[in-house]
């Protein structure tokens, strides 16, 4: 087993610590050491089920390198007929079972068009019945998080099914790792919103893109607070574009914690206690304000 010249970036380390998965961290270090993933089960004495979960976690963290599957678009799906549905219903007990379970979870009988969509999940996307049931429950929970009291329709679930297929989520281990990663993301997103004094409303699509980028950069809560304070002081309120430029500059400089920002910051004015800006930074602030 090769353990020489093992290096790990601070970004990867933050992702692994955030996942809180010992098996995923162990497998990552094994692979980063240049070892063969195919021998991981044997050399790490890791049961196959734990190995599968570790792989799924690394994939969701973006730390598992493997060839991507061919993208699948909804427009490419084959057109199933009512006859296809009826014949499958009569010959495939597992299809009948999953149809009944989906109807139970959605609280209504499925139409012929919805049954065709469900058949596509199995035949075209290759999703197992248990993964389909988890997918439906996940979509229901996402709808609740967005404030909807209605169950999602099959068309909405279909969009998520194709997204799962493109990411290679076709086992219970993959589905569990994905949902765990999403739960962590939404928890961190909620914490970020509270620090930005955003309450009682959901983020817009543009705001969430900013927030997601900041979370992926790996800033701690103190650094976010500092960026938010400087944004409010210089713009009079929360300016997403302005705050984004501050955080991007810190990220490029490798400053991701409050302590790192303070260490890399400019010296404070000893007479007024206010932060001094040189001519270059003053010009940068003026440009940012004009862009906002």
Protein backbone atom coordinates (compact mmCIF):
# COMPACT_ATOMS: atom_id res chain seq x y z
CA UNK A 1 0.00 0.00 0.00
CA UNK A 2 1.47 3.32 -1.10
CA UNK A 3 1.37 6.14 1.48
CA UNK A 4 4.31 8.24 0.26
CA UNK A 5 3.91 11.77 -1.10
CA UNK A 6 0.37 11.95 0.20
CA UNK A 7 -1.02 15.48 -0.10
CA UNK A 8 -4.46 16.90 0.59
CA UNK A 9 -5.71 20.38 -0.21
CA UNK A 10 -7.45 22.51 2.42
CA UNK A 11 -10.55 22.57 0.19
CA UNK A 12 -10.76 18.77 0.06
CA UNK A 13 -10.11 18.58 3.80
CA UNK A 14 -13.03 20.93 4.53
CA UNK A 15 -15.34 18.80 2.37
CA UNK A 16 -14.30 15.59 4.11
CA UNK A 17 -14.69 17.06 7.58
CA UNK A 18 -18.11 18.42 6.63
CA UNK A 19 -19.26 14.98 5.45
CA UNK A 20 -18.28 13.40 8.80
CA UNK A 21 -17.71 10.01 7.17
CA UNK A 22 -14.71 8.07 8.42
CA UNK A 23 -14.95 5.49 5.64
CA UNK A 24 -15.07 8.20 2.95
CA UNK A 25 -12.04 9.96 4.46
CA UNK A 26 -10.09 6.68 4.66
CA UNK A 27 -10.91 5.75 1.08
CA UNK A 28 -10.00 9.24 -0.12
CA UNK A 29 -6.57 9.07 1.55
CA UNK A 30 -6.04 5.58 0.11
CA UNK A 31 -6.79 6.78 -3.43
CA UNK A 32 -4.80 10.02 -3.04
CA UNK A 33 -1.83 7.88 -2.13
CA UNK A 34 -1.95 6.45 -5.65
CA UNK A 35 -3.45 3.11 -4.68
CA UNK A 36 -5.81 1.07 -6.84
CA UNK A 37 -9.48 1.61 -5.83
CA UNK A 38 -10.17 -1.95 -6.98
CA UNK A 39 -8.05 -3.26 -4.09
CA UNK A 40 -9.50 -0.96 -1.45
CA UNK A 41 -11.96 -3.51 -0.07
CA UNK A 42 -9.15 -6.00 0.50
CA UNK A 43 -6.37 -3.68 1.67
CA UNK A 44 -8.54 -1.48 3.87
CA UNK A 45 -10.50 -4.50 5.15
CA UNK A 46 -13.66 -2.59 4.36
CA UNK A 47 -16.87 -4.58 3.69
CA UNK A 48 -18.40 -4.05 0.26
CA UNK A 49 -21.46 -2.25 1.63
CA UNK A 50 -19.30 0.28 3.51
CA UNK A 51 -17.08 0.68 0.46
CA UNK A 52 -20.12 1.44 -1.71
CA UNK A 53 -21.33 4.05 0.77
CA UNK A 54 -17.85 5.61 0.93
CA UNK A 55 -17.67 5.81 -2.86
CA UNK A 56 -21.13 7.37 -2.99
CA UNK A 57 -20.14 9.98 -0.39
CA UNK A 58 -16.96 10.89 -2.27
CA UNK A 59 -18.92 11.24 -5.48
CA UNK A 60 -21.37 13.63 -3.85
CA UNK A 61 -18.44 15.64 -2.47
CA UNK A 62 -16.90 15.84 -5.93
CA UNK A 63 -13.84 13.90 -4.74
CA UNK A 64 -14.31 10.66 -6.68
CA UNK A 65 -12.80 10.77 -10.12
CA UNK A 66 -14.37 8.43 -12.64
CA UNK A 67 -15.64 8.70 -16.23
CA UNK A 68 -18.91 10.61 -16.40
CA UNK A 69 -21.96 8.90 -17.74
CA UNK A 70 -23.38 10.08 -21.05
CA UNK A 71 -25.78 12.95 -20.28
CA UNK A 72 -29.43 12.00 -20.54
CA UNK A 73 -32.00 14.59 -21.56
CA UNK A 74 -35.76 14.20 -21.10
CA UNK A 75 -36.29 14.90 -24.78
CA UNK A 76 -34.34 11.78 -25.69
CA UNK A 77 -36.57 9.40 -23.78
CA UNK A 78 -38.42 6.74 -25.80
CA UNK A 79 -42.17 7.10 -26.21
CA UNK A 80 -44.02 4.34 -24.38
CA UNK A 81 -47.57 3.41 -25.32
CA UNK A 82 -50.48 2.41 -23.13
CA UNK A 83 -49.98 -1.09 -24.45
CA UNK A 84 -46.39 -1.07 -23.17
CA UNK A 85 -47.67 -0.05 -19.76
CA UNK A 86 -50.43 -2.69 -19.67
CA UNK A 87 -48.16 -5.49 -20.86
CA UNK A 88 -45.50 -4.58 -18.28
CA UNK A 89 -48.16 -4.31 -15.59
CA UNK A 90 -49.30 -7.82 -16.41
CA UNK A 91 -45.87 -9.44 -16.70
CA UNK A 92 -43.70 -7.59 -14.20
CA UNK A 93 -44.76 -7.85 -10.53
CA UNK A 94 -42.05 -5.37 -9.49
CA UNK A 95 -43.52 -2.70 -11.79
CA UNK A 96 -46.99 -3.28 -10.34
CA UNK A 97 -45.50 -2.99 -6.87
CA UNK A 98 -43.67 0.26 -7.53
CA UNK A 99 -46.76 1.76 -9.18
CA UNK A 100 -48.82 0.94 -6.12
CA UNK A 101 -46.19 2.35 -3.78
CA UNK A 102 -45.87 5.60 -5.75
CA UNK A 103 -49.65 5.98 -5.77
CA UNK A 104 -49.71 5.44 -2.01
CA UNK A 105 -47.01 8.05 -1.41
CA UNK A 106 -48.60 10.62 -3.69
CA UNK A 107 -52.08 9.89 -2.38
CA UNK A 108 -53.75 9.46 -5.77
CA UNK A 109 -54.06 6.96 -8.65
CA UNK A 110 -51.63 7.46 -11.51
CA UNK A 111 -52.92 8.37 -14.94
CA UNK A 112 -51.81 6.49 -18.06
CA UNK A 113 -49.37 9.30 -18.90
CA UNK A 114 -47.88 9.13 -15.41
CA UNK A 115 -47.55 5.37 -15.68
CA UNK A 116 -45.60 5.86 -18.92
CA UNK A 117 -43.24 8.22 -17.09
CA UNK A 118 -42.79 5.66 -14.32
CA UNK A 119 -42.07 2.94 -16.87
CA UNK A 120 -39.34 5.18 -18.29
CA UNK A 121 -37.71 5.40 -14.86
CA UNK A 122 -37.29 1.62 -14.90
CA UNK A 123 -36.69 0.78 -18.54
CA UNK A 124 -34.80 3.81 -19.78
CA UNK A 125 -33.09 5.22 -16.70
CA UNK A 126 -32.57 1.85 -15.08
CA UNK A 127 -33.65 3.00 -11.63
CA UNK A 128 -34.46 0.17 -9.19
CA UNK A 129 -37.86 0.20 -7.49
CA UNK A 130 -36.45 1.07 -4.05
CA UNK A 131 -34.50 4.02 -5.49
CA UNK A 132 -37.66 5.28 -7.23
CA UNK A 133 -39.53 5.24 -3.92
CA UNK A 134 -36.71 7.18 -2.24
CA UNK A 135 -36.76 9.64 -5.16
CA UNK A 136 -40.48 10.29 -4.72
CA UNK A 137 -40.08 10.87 -0.99
CA UNK A 138 -37.14 13.21 -1.61
CA UNK A 139 -39.19 15.28 -4.07
CA UNK A 140 -42.02 15.46 -1.55
CA UNK A 141 -39.68 16.74 1.14
CA UNK A 142 -38.15 19.32 -1.21
CA UNK A 143 -41.63 20.58 -2.04
CA UNK A 144 -42.40 20.94 1.68
CA UNK A 145 -39.15 22.86 2.21
CA UNK A 146 -40.22 25.30 -0.47
CA UNK A 147 -43.52 25.87 1.32
CA UNK A 148 -45.79 23.78 -0.91
CA UNK A 149 -48.52 21.71 0.75
CA UNK A 150 -49.18 19.72 -2.43
CA UNK A 151 -47.39 16.60 -3.56
CA UNK A 152 -45.17 17.01 -6.63
CA UNK A 153 -46.44 15.68 -9.92
CA UNK A 154 -44.73 12.97 -11.94
CA UNK A 155 -43.39 15.56 -14.38
CA UNK A 156 -41.58 17.30 -11.54
CA UNK A 157 -40.30 13.99 -10.21
CA UNK A 158 -39.21 13.07 -13.73
CA UNK A 159 -36.90 16.09 -13.91
CA UNK A 160 -35.22 15.02 -10.68
CA UNK A 161 -35.03 11.41 -11.91
CA UNK A 162 -33.05 12.50 -14.97
CA UNK A 163 -30.79 14.61 -12.77
CA UNK A 164 -30.14 11.57 -10.59
CA UNK A 165 -29.45 9.40 -13.64
CA UNK A 166 -26.91 11.91 -14.98
CA UNK A 167 -25.11 11.84 -11.62
CA UNK A 168 -25.08 8.07 -11.55
CA UNK A 169 -27.47 7.81 -8.61
CA UNK A 170 -28.94 4.39 -9.23
CA UNK A 171 -28.38 2.51 -5.96
CA UNK A 172 -29.64 2.98 -2.42
CA UNK A 173 -26.10 3.87 -1.31
CA UNK A 174 -25.85 6.59 -3.96
CA UNK A 175 -29.31 7.91 -3.10
CA UNK A 176 -28.53 7.99 0.63
CA UNK A 177 -25.24 9.82 0.07
CA UNK A 178 -26.90 12.34 -2.22
CA UNK A 179 -29.73 13.07 0.21
CA UNK A 180 -27.29 13.40 3.09
CA UNK A 181 -25.21 15.87 1.08
CA UNK A 182 -28.34 17.84 0.19
CA UNK A 183 -29.46 17.93 3.81
CA UNK A 184 -26.06 19.25 4.89
CA UNK A 185 -26.16 21.85 2.11
CA UNK A 186 -29.63 23.11 3.03
CA UNK A 187 -28.68 23.22 6.71
CA UNK A 188 -25.62 25.33 5.93
CA UNK A 189 -27.66 27.47 3.56
CA UNK A 190 -30.18 28.16 6.32
CA UNK A 191 -27.38 29.13 8.71
CA UNK A 192 -25.93 31.47 6.08
CA UNK A 193 -29.31 33.15 5.55
CA UNK A 194 -29.67 33.77 9.27
CA UNK A 195 -26.22 35.38 9.38
CA UNK A 196 -27.28 37.65 6.53
CA UNK A 197 -30.47 38.59 8.42
CA UNK A 198 -32.68 36.93 5.78
CA UNK A 199 -35.81 35.52 7.39
CA UNK A 200 -39.31 34.69 6.31
CA UNK A 201 -38.56 34.20 2.63
CA UNK A 202 -36.72 31.88 0.28
CA UNK A 203 -33.68 33.02 -1.65
CA UNK A 204 -34.10 33.93 -5.28
CA UNK A 205 -32.30 31.78 -7.84
CA UNK A 206 -29.57 34.40 -8.27
CA UNK A 207 -29.11 34.79 -4.50
CA UNK A 208 -28.84 31.05 -4.03
CA UNK A 209 -26.15 30.86 -6.73
CA UNK A 210 -24.09 33.37 -4.77
CA UNK A 211 -24.71 31.56 -1.48
CA UNK A 212 -23.87 28.17 -2.93
CA UNK A 213 -20.59 29.49 -4.35
CA UNK A 214 -19.62 30.92 -0.95
CA UNK A 215 -20.37 27.65 0.80
CA UNK A 216 -18.33 25.73 -1.76
CA UNK A 217 -15.41 28.11 -1.23
CA UNK A 218 -15.30 26.93 2.38
CA UNK A 219 -15.62 30.14 4.41
CA UNK A 220 -16.29 29.82 8.13
CA UNK A 221 -19.04 31.74 9.92
CA UNK A 222 -16.72 34.47 11.17
CA UNK A 223 -15.40 35.20 7.69
CA UNK A 224 -18.97 35.46 6.39
CA UNK A 225 -19.83 37.84 9.22
CA UNK A 226 -16.82 40.01 8.41
CA UNK A 227 -17.68 40.17 4.71
CA UNK A 228 -21.30 40.98 5.51
CA UNK A 229 -20.31 43.76 7.93
CA UNK A 230 -17.94 45.35 5.42
CA UNK A 231 -20.59 45.12 2.72
CA UNK A 232 -23.18 46.88 4.87
CA UNK A 233 -20.71 49.56 5.97
CA UNK A 234 -19.67 50.36 2.41
CA UNK A 235 -23.01 49.99 0.59
CA UNK A 236 -25.59 50.66 3.29
CA UNK A 237 -27.05 47.16 3.21
CA UNK A 238 -26.67 43.67 1.79
CA UNK A 239 -25.34 43.87 -1.75
CA UNK A 240 -24.84 40.34 -3.04
CA UNK A 241 -22.52 41.40 -5.87
CA UNK A 242 -20.38 43.54 -3.58
CA UNK A 243 -20.10 40.87 -0.89
CA UNK A 244 -19.31 38.30 -3.57
CA UNK A 245 -16.32 40.37 -4.74
CA UNK A 246 -15.01 40.57 -1.18
CA UNK A 247 -15.28 36.82 -0.70
CA UNK A 248 -13.82 36.07 -4.12
CA UNK A 249 -10.80 38.22 -3.30
CA UNK A 250 -10.32 36.42 0.02
CA UNK A 251 -10.76 33.04 -1.65
CA UNK A 252 -8.12 33.86 -4.26
CA UNK A 253 -5.79 34.88 -1.44
CA UNK A 254 -6.45 31.62 0.42
CA UNK A 255 -8.24 33.34 3.31
CA UNK A 256 -11.25 31.33 4.47
CA UNK A 257 -11.48 31.86 8.23
CA UNK A 258 -11.88 34.97 10.32
CA UNK A 259 -8.41 34.48 11.74
CA UNK A 260 -6.88 34.14 8.26
CA UNK A 261 -8.67 37.29 7.11
CA UNK A 262 -7.43 39.26 10.11
CA UNK A 263 -3.89 37.98 9.60
CA UNK A 264 -3.90 38.91 5.95
CA UNK A 265 -5.74 42.18 6.42
CA UNK A 266 -4.19 45.59 6.24
CA UNK A 267 -3.12 47.33 9.42
CA UNK A 268 -5.78 49.43 11.13
CA UNK A 269 -5.51 53.17 11.53
CA UNK A 270 -4.21 53.60 15.09
CA UNK A 271 -5.77 57.05 15.50
CA UNK A 272 -9.33 56.42 14.36
CA UNK A 273 -9.51 52.65 14.70
CA UNK A 274 -10.90 52.45 11.18
CA UNK A 275 -9.49 50.27 8.46
CA UNK A 276 -7.33 52.15 5.99
CA UNK A 277 -7.64 51.51 2.29
CA UNK A 278 -4.88 52.28 -0.14
CA UNK A 279 -5.54 53.91 -3.49
CA UNK A 280 -5.91 50.59 -5.32
CA UNK A 281 -8.52 49.29 -2.90
CA UNK A 282 -10.44 52.55 -2.90
CA UNK A 283 -10.60 52.38 -6.68
CA UNK A 284 -11.74 48.76 -6.51
CA UNK A 285 -14.54 49.69 -4.11
CA UNK A 286 -15.71 52.49 -6.39
CA UNK A 287 -15.83 50.09 -9.33
CA UNK A 288 -17.80 47.54 -7.31
CA UNK A 289 -20.31 50.12 -6.21
CA UNK A 290 -20.84 51.21 -9.80
CA UNK A 291 -21.45 47.60 -10.85
CA UNK A 292 -24.00 46.88 -8.09
